[in-house]
Every structure is written in structure tokens, then in C-alpha cells.
C-alpha atoms as a PDB file:
ATOM      1  CA  MET A   1      -0.249   0.619  -0.049  1.00  0.00           C
ATOM      2  CA  ALA A   2       1.701   3.764  -1.001  1.00  0.00           C
ATOM      3  CA  GLU A   3       0.840   6.726   0.844  1.00  0.00           C
ATOM      4  CA  HIS A   4       0.905  10.266  -0.185  1.00  0.00           C
ATOM      5  CA  ILE A   5       1.021  13.544   1.843  1.00  0.00           C
ATOM      6  CA  ARG A   6      -2.000  15.835   1.727  1.00  0.00           C
ATOM      7  CA  VAL A   7      -0.737  19.363   2.147  1.00  0.00           C
ATOM      8  CA  LEU A   8      -2.841  19.709   5.671  1.00  0.00           C
ATOM      9  CA  LEU A   9      -0.557  23.522   6.821  1.00  0.00           C
ATOM     10  CA  SER A  10       0.979  25.334   4.768  1.00  0.00           C
ATOM     11  CA  GLU A  11       5.265  26.768   5.859  1.00  0.00           C
ATOM     12  CA  GLU A  12       3.683  29.700   6.058  1.00  0.00           C
ATOM     13  CA  GLU A  13       0.924  28.851   8.104  1.00  0.00           C
ATOM     14  CA  VAL A  14       3.716  27.271  10.293  1.00  0.00           C
ATOM     15  CA  ASP A  15       5.942  29.776  10.329  1.00  0.00           C
ATOM     16  CA  LYS A  16       2.956  32.417  10.431  1.00  0.00           C
ATOM     17  CA  ARG A  17       2.081  31.314  13.869  1.00  0.00           C
ATOM     18  CA  ILE A  18       5.247  29.807  15.820  1.00  0.00           C
ATOM     19  CA  GLN A  19       5.836  33.538  15.153  1.00  0.00           C
ATOM     20  CA  GLU A  20       2.958  34.246  17.458  1.00  0.00           C
ATOM     21  CA  ILE A  21       3.229  32.053  19.932  1.00  0.00           C
ATOM     22  CA  GLY A  22       6.871  33.245  19.897  1.00  0.00           C
ATOM     23  CA  GLU A  23       5.402  37.070  20.666  1.00  0.00           C
ATOM     24  CA  GLN A  24       2.835  35.614  23.792  1.00  0.00           C
ATOM     25  CA  ILE A  25       5.896  33.921  25.200  1.00  0.00           C
ATOM     26  CA  SER A  26       7.747  36.992  25.060  1.00  0.00           C
ATOM     27  CA  ARG A  27       4.731  38.972  26.624  1.00  0.00           C
ATOM     28  CA  ASP A  28       4.492  36.504  29.517  1.00  0.00           C
ATOM     29  CA  TYR A  29       7.914  35.730  30.447  1.00  0.00           C
ATOM     30  CA  ALA A  30       8.861  39.775  29.929  1.00  0.00           C
ATOM     31  CA  GLY A  31      11.143  40.703  32.874  1.00  0.00           C
ATOM     32  CA  LYS A  32      12.391  36.265  33.185  1.00  0.00           C
ATOM     33  CA  GLN A  33      13.922  33.556  31.351  1.00  0.00           C
ATOM     34  CA  VAL A  34      12.451  30.297  30.118  1.00  0.00           C
ATOM     35  CA  HIS A  35      13.199  27.479  30.548  1.00  0.00           C
ATOM     36  CA  LEU A  36      11.871  25.152  27.429  1.00  0.00           C
ATOM     37  CA  VAL A  37      11.420  21.315  27.824  1.00  0.00           C
ATOM     38  CA  CYS A  38      11.749  18.932  25.011  1.00  0.00           C
ATOM     39  CA  VAL A  39       9.921  15.611  23.965  1.00  0.00           C
ATOM     40  CA  LEU A  40      12.223  14.126  21.416  1.00  0.00           C
ATOM     41  CA  LYS A  41      12.049  13.592  19.462  1.00  0.00           C
ATOM     42  CA  GLY A  42       9.033  15.080  17.234  1.00  0.00           C
ATOM     43  CA  GLY A  43       9.295  18.014  18.968  1.00  0.00           C
ATOM     44  CA  SER A  44      12.343  18.830  18.534  1.00  0.00           C
ATOM     45  CA  PHE A  45      11.805  20.903  14.719  1.00  0.00           C
ATOM     46  CA  PHE A  46       9.608  23.098  16.528  1.00  0.00           C
ATOM     47  CA  MET A  47      11.114  24.101  19.815  1.00  0.00           C
ATOM     48  CA  CYS A  48      14.257  25.217  17.172  1.00  0.00           C
ATOM     49  CA  GLU A  49      11.805  27.794  15.232  1.00  0.00           C
ATOM     50  CA  LEU A  50       9.474  28.572  18.235  1.00  0.00           C
ATOM     51  CA  ALA A  51      12.295  29.767  21.306  1.00  0.00           C
ATOM     52  CA  LYS A  52      14.243  31.463  18.422  1.00  0.00           C
ATOM     53  CA  ARG A  53      11.510  33.568  17.541  1.00  0.00           C
ATOM     54  CA  ILE A  54      11.145  34.324  21.307  1.00  0.00           C
ATOM     55  CA  THR A  55      13.139  38.352  22.419  1.00  0.00           C
ATOM     56  CA  VAL A  56      13.856  36.914  26.147  1.00  0.00           C
ATOM     57  CA  PRO A  57      16.258  34.900  27.157  1.00  0.00           C
ATOM     58  CA  VAL A  58      15.600  30.643  26.713  1.00  0.00           C
ATOM     59  CA  SER A  59      17.826  27.840  28.346  1.00  0.00           C
ATOM     60  CA  LEU A  60      16.482  24.173  26.075  1.00  0.00           C
ATOM     61  CA  ASP A  61      16.472  20.692  27.485  1.00  0.00           C
ATOM     62  CA  PHE A  62      15.531  17.709  26.848  1.00  0.00           C
ATOM     63  CA  MET A  63      13.999  14.368  27.331  1.00  0.00           C
ATOM     64  CA  SER A  64      12.559  11.369  25.503  1.00  0.00           C
ATOM     65  CA  VAL A  65       9.955   9.475  27.867  1.00  0.00           C
ATOM     66  CA  SER A  66       8.279   6.515  25.829  1.00  0.00           C
ATOM     67  CA  SER A  67       4.391   5.169  26.654  1.00  0.00           C
ATOM     68  CA  TYR A  68       4.073   1.386  25.813  1.00  0.00           C
ATOM     69  CA  GLY A  69       1.903  -1.190  27.136  1.00  0.00           C
ATOM     70  CA  SER A  70       0.166  -4.612  24.930  1.00  0.00           C
ATOM     71  CA  ASP A  71      -1.573  -1.971  22.780  1.00  0.00           C
ATOM     72  CA  THR A  72      -0.438  -0.005  20.049  1.00  0.00           C
ATOM     73  CA  LYS A  73      -1.692   3.343  21.298  1.00  0.00           C
ATOM     74  CA  SER A  74      -0.024   5.016  24.284  1.00  0.00           C
ATOM     75  CA  SER A  75      -0.863   3.445  27.826  1.00  0.00           C
ATOM     76  CA  GLY A  76      -0.409   6.564  29.863  1.00  0.00           C
ATOM     77  CA  VAL A  77       2.318   4.185  31.539  1.00  0.00           C
ATOM     78  CA  VAL A  78       5.570   6.781  31.371  1.00  0.00           C
ATOM     79  CA  LYS A  79       8.527   5.606  30.854  1.00  0.00           C
ATOM     80  CA  ILE A  80      11.840   7.708  30.473  1.00  0.00           C
ATOM     81  CA  VAL A  81      13.961   6.885  27.930  1.00  0.00           C
ATOM     82  CA  LYS A  82      15.730   9.754  28.248  1.00  0.00           C
ATOM     83  CA  ASP A  83      15.569  12.305  31.250  1.00  0.00           C
ATOM     84  CA  LEU A  84      16.576  16.425  31.259  1.00  0.00           C
ATOM     85  CA  ASP A  85      19.984  17.609  32.645  1.00  0.00           C
ATOM     86  CA  GLU A  86      19.289  20.175  33.985  1.00  0.00           C
ATOM     87  CA  SER A  87      16.923  20.889  37.650  1.00  0.00           C
ATOM     88  CA  LEU A  88      14.136  22.333  37.192  1.00  0.00           C
ATOM     89  CA  LYS A  89      13.774  23.682  40.300  1.00  0.00           C
ATOM     90  CA  ASP A  90      12.428  27.668  40.451  1.00  0.00           C
ATOM     91  CA  LYS A  91      12.579  28.009  36.820  1.00  0.00           C
ATOM     92  CA  ASP A  92       9.522  28.868  34.763  1.00  0.00           C
ATOM     93  CA  VAL A  93       8.729  26.115  32.552  1.00  0.00           C
ATOM     94  CA  ILE A  94       7.188  25.342  29.372  1.00  0.00           C
ATOM     95  CA  VAL A  95       6.809  21.375  27.466  1.00  0.00           C
ATOM     96  CA  VAL A  96       7.589  21.867  24.510  1.00  0.00           C
ATOM     97  CA  GLU A  97       5.121  18.684  22.290  1.00  0.00           C
ATOM     98  CA  ASP A  98       4.817  18.267  18.586  1.00  0.00           C
ATOM     99  CA  ILE A  99       1.023  17.244  19.278  1.00  0.00           C
ATOM    100  CA  VAL A 100      -1.165  16.831  21.814  1.00  0.00           C
ATOM    101  CA  ASP A 101      -4.374  13.213  21.047  1.00  0.00           C
ATOM    102  CA  SER A 102      -5.305  12.008  23.812  1.00  0.00           C
ATOM    103  CA  GLY A 103      -3.482  13.369  26.839  1.00  0.00           C
ATOM    104  CA  ARG A 104      -2.517  10.302  28.853  1.00  0.00           C
ATOM    105  CA  THR A 105       1.472  10.578  28.545  1.00  0.00           C
ATOM    106  CA  LEU A 106       1.395  14.033  29.003  1.00  0.00           C
ATOM    107  CA  SER A 107      -0.924  14.341  32.140  1.00  0.00           C
ATOM    108  CA  TYR A 108       1.353  11.769  33.347  1.00  0.00           C
ATOM    109  CA  LEU A 109       4.951  13.891  32.259  1.00  0.00           C
ATOM    110  CA  LEU A 110       3.251  17.178  33.600  1.00  0.00           C
ATOM    111  CA  GLU A 111       2.659  15.964  37.547  1.00  0.00           C
ATOM    112  CA  MET A 112       6.676  13.914  37.220  1.00  0.00           C
ATOM    113  CA  LEU A 113       7.746  17.071  36.188  1.00  0.00           C
ATOM    114  CA  ARG A 114       5.229  18.981  38.867  1.00  0.00           C
ATOM    115  CA  ASP A 115       6.975  16.843  41.340  1.00  0.00           C
ATOM    116  CA  ARG A 116      10.144  18.628  40.418  1.00  0.00           C
ATOM    117  CA  GLY A 117       9.913  22.207  41.778  1.00  0.00           C
ATOM    118  CA  PRO A 118       9.670  24.936  39.096  1.00  0.00           C
ATOM    119  CA  ALA A 119       7.809  28.336  40.122  1.00  0.00           C
ATOM    120  CA  SER A 120       5.910  27.493  36.910  1.00  0.00           C
ATOM    121  CA  LEU A 121       4.691  25.098  34.139  1.00  0.00           C
ATOM    122  CA  ARG A 122       2.617  25.450  31.409  1.00  0.00           C
ATOM    123  CA  LEU A 123       3.340  23.392  27.893  1.00  0.00           C
ATOM    124  CA  CYS A 124       3.044  24.613  24.251  1.00  0.00           C
ATOM    125  CA  THR A 125       2.149  22.589  20.942  1.00  0.00           C
ATOM    126  CA  LEU A 126       1.845  23.016  17.818  1.00  0.00           C
ATOM    127  CA  LEU A 127      -1.195  20.250  17.171  1.00  0.00           C
ATOM    128  CA  ASP A 128      -4.051  19.806  19.692  1.00  0.00           C
ATOM    129  CA  LYS A 129      -6.177  16.880  18.568  1.00  0.00           C
ATOM    130  CA  PRO A 130      -9.572  17.794  20.778  1.00  0.00           C
ATOM    131  CA  ASP A 131     -11.633  15.420  19.287  1.00  0.00           C
ATOM    132  CA  ARG A 132      -8.749  12.065  20.532  1.00  0.00           C
ATOM    133  CA  ARG A 133      -8.776  13.944  23.988  1.00  0.00           C
ATOM    134  CA  VAL A 134      -9.197  10.715  27.332  1.00  0.00           C
ATOM    135  CA  ILE A 135      -7.453  12.682  29.742  1.00  0.00           C
ATOM    136  CA  ASP A 136      -7.750  16.916  30.246  1.00  0.00           C
ATOM    137  CA  VAL A 137      -5.174  18.338  29.012  1.00  0.00           C
ATOM    138  CA  ASN A 138      -5.200  22.403  29.431  1.00  0.00           C
ATOM    139  CA  VAL A 139      -2.207  23.547  27.107  1.00  0.00           C
ATOM    140  CA  ASP A 140      -1.096  27.031  28.013  1.00  0.00           C
ATOM    141  CA  TYR A 141      -0.291  27.639  23.718  1.00  0.00           C
ATOM    142  CA  THR A 142      -1.655  26.365  20.636  1.00  0.00           C
ATOM    143  CA  GLY A 143      -0.281  26.451  17.381  1.00  0.00           C
ATOM    144  CA  PHE A 144      -2.832  24.999  15.380  1.00  0.00           C
ATOM    145  CA  GLN A 145      -6.100  22.464  16.881  1.00  0.00           C
ATOM    146  CA  ILE A 146      -6.206  19.800  13.656  1.00  0.00           C
ATOM    147  CA  PRO A 147      -9.286  17.247  13.277  1.00  0.00           C
ATOM    148  CA  ASP A 148      -8.110  13.404  13.732  1.00  0.00           C
ATOM    149  CA  GLU A 149      -6.324  12.876  11.074  1.00  0.00           C
ATOM    150  CA  PHE A 150      -2.573  10.630  10.905  1.00  0.00           C
ATOM    151  CA  VAL A 151      -0.163  13.767   9.970  1.00  0.00           C
ATOM    152  CA  VAL A 152       3.563  14.353   9.627  1.00  0.00           C
ATOM    153  CA  GLY A 153       6.267  16.721   8.509  1.00  0.00           C
ATOM    154  CA  TYR A 154       7.337  19.993  11.112  1.00  0.00           C
ATOM    155  CA  GLY A 155       9.399  16.586  13.331  1.00  0.00           C
ATOM    156  CA  LEU A 156       5.639  14.096  12.960  1.00  0.00           C
ATOM    157  CA  ASP A 157       6.745  10.624  11.340  1.00  0.00           C
ATOM    158  CA  TYR A 158       5.468   8.280  10.004  1.00  0.00           C
ATOM    159  CA  ASP A 159       7.736   4.551   9.989  1.00  0.00           C
ATOM    160  CA  GLN A 160      10.336   7.752  10.691  1.00  0.00           C
ATOM    161  CA  ARG A 161       9.750   9.130   7.034  1.00  0.00           C
ATOM    162  CA  TYR A 162       8.693  12.556   6.798  1.00  0.00           C
ATOM    163  CA  ARG A 163      10.234  14.251   9.854  1.00  0.00           C
ATOM    164  CA  ASN A 164      11.742  17.146   7.802  1.00  0.00           C
ATOM    165  CA  LEU A 165       8.869  18.345   5.093  1.00  0.00           C
ATOM    166  CA  PRO A 166       8.338  22.145   6.140  1.00  0.00           C
ATOM    167  CA  TYR A 167       4.714  21.428   6.530  1.00  0.00           C
ATOM    168  CA  ILE A 168       2.258  19.336   8.282  1.00  0.00           C
ATOM    169  CA  GLY A 169       0.355  17.181   6.374  1.00  0.00           C
ATOM    170  CA  VAL A 170      -2.265  14.001   6.301  1.00  0.00           C
ATOM    171  CA  VAL A 171      -1.277  11.143   5.203  1.00  0.00           C
ATOM    172  CA  GLU A 172      -3.414   9.664   2.714  1.00  0.00           C
ATOM    173  CA  PHE A 173      -3.316   5.510   2.188  1.00  0.00           C
ATOM    174  CA  ASP A 174      -3.903   4.567  -2.076  1.00  0.00           C
ATOM    175  CA  ASN A 175      -5.627   1.790  -2.047  1.00  0.00           C
ATOM    176  CA  GLN A 176      -4.227  -0.043  -5.147  1.00  0.00           C
ATOM    177  CA  GLU A 177      -4.160  -4.115  -5.584  1.00  0.00           C
ATOM    178  CA  VAL A 178      -2.034  -5.892  -6.442  1.00  0.00           C
END
């Protein structure tokens, strides 16, 4: 089965929205330093572009998590694959995600990070799929709310492909018989 990618959000739309989020964060954190925590791998593209557009001092850290279970869908049980390099104690932290869907993993992760004593903890996501939400998660900064479609680009992948697309696309499968 072959697939093709339909553009959902153009490179220009994504770039413009990231600029707007950067400006909002800069206003919200005026006079402070913000500590961005990227959830790898998908969030890295978005976080790098976002950080360039924030005008207050920024520090960065990365973490990699895996949610696993007997199903192919996230169980919400989080295994830390790569933990943060720095303490969050008394820092103004923004967790940067590529996409929020069920909320299971993110809810657990945010609670774990809250226990590390940040001065504040907020969530920023490029994409939000509210129709998939199972656990309510407060998203402070949202790029775009999107329908429940399988998306790629800007860090999001399908079988480790398409992360490098400069736009957000929908994977559509061609139903061709062989």
C-alpha cells in the first residue's frame, strides 16, 4: 500500500503561527527567563523554531519518553528513555510538544515534572487533536487545533519518515490492488 501526503497546514501558516506563539510567550515572560523542555523526537523541530522567536532569555533541555503497554496506542504509562540534564527547581518551565492527542502520556509527564519544583509549568504544543482527548490536559499555548487525521511533517513521522517536511501534511493511503 502506497501513501501520499496532502498538505494540511502550509509552511507559511506554520511559520506565522510559531512567530505569534513566540511573541505571546515573550510578553507572558517579560523580565524572566524561560526554560523550554522538549519532548523528543517530534518536538525538536518545533522547539528550535519557537526558541528563535522568543525574545526573553531562553534555556533548553530535552527528554525522551516512551509510553508502552500491550496495545499499539499509548497506555499513559511513561518510561523515561532520556531524562533532563538540568534541575527544574524554581525555573519557569514550558514543556514543548509536537502534538497532544489522548493526553494520557502528557498528563503523567506533567505531574512528574510538577513534582520537581518548577516556579511555573506550562504546556505548548504545535498541534492539538481535542477529539482524541481521553484525559483532560491544559494546553497553555496551541499552534493549531486539527481534526483526527494522521499527520506528518515538522517533526512528526510515519515510520520514521516525513519528519523533515516543512509543513504539516496528512498521510493518505492509496488503495491499489496488486
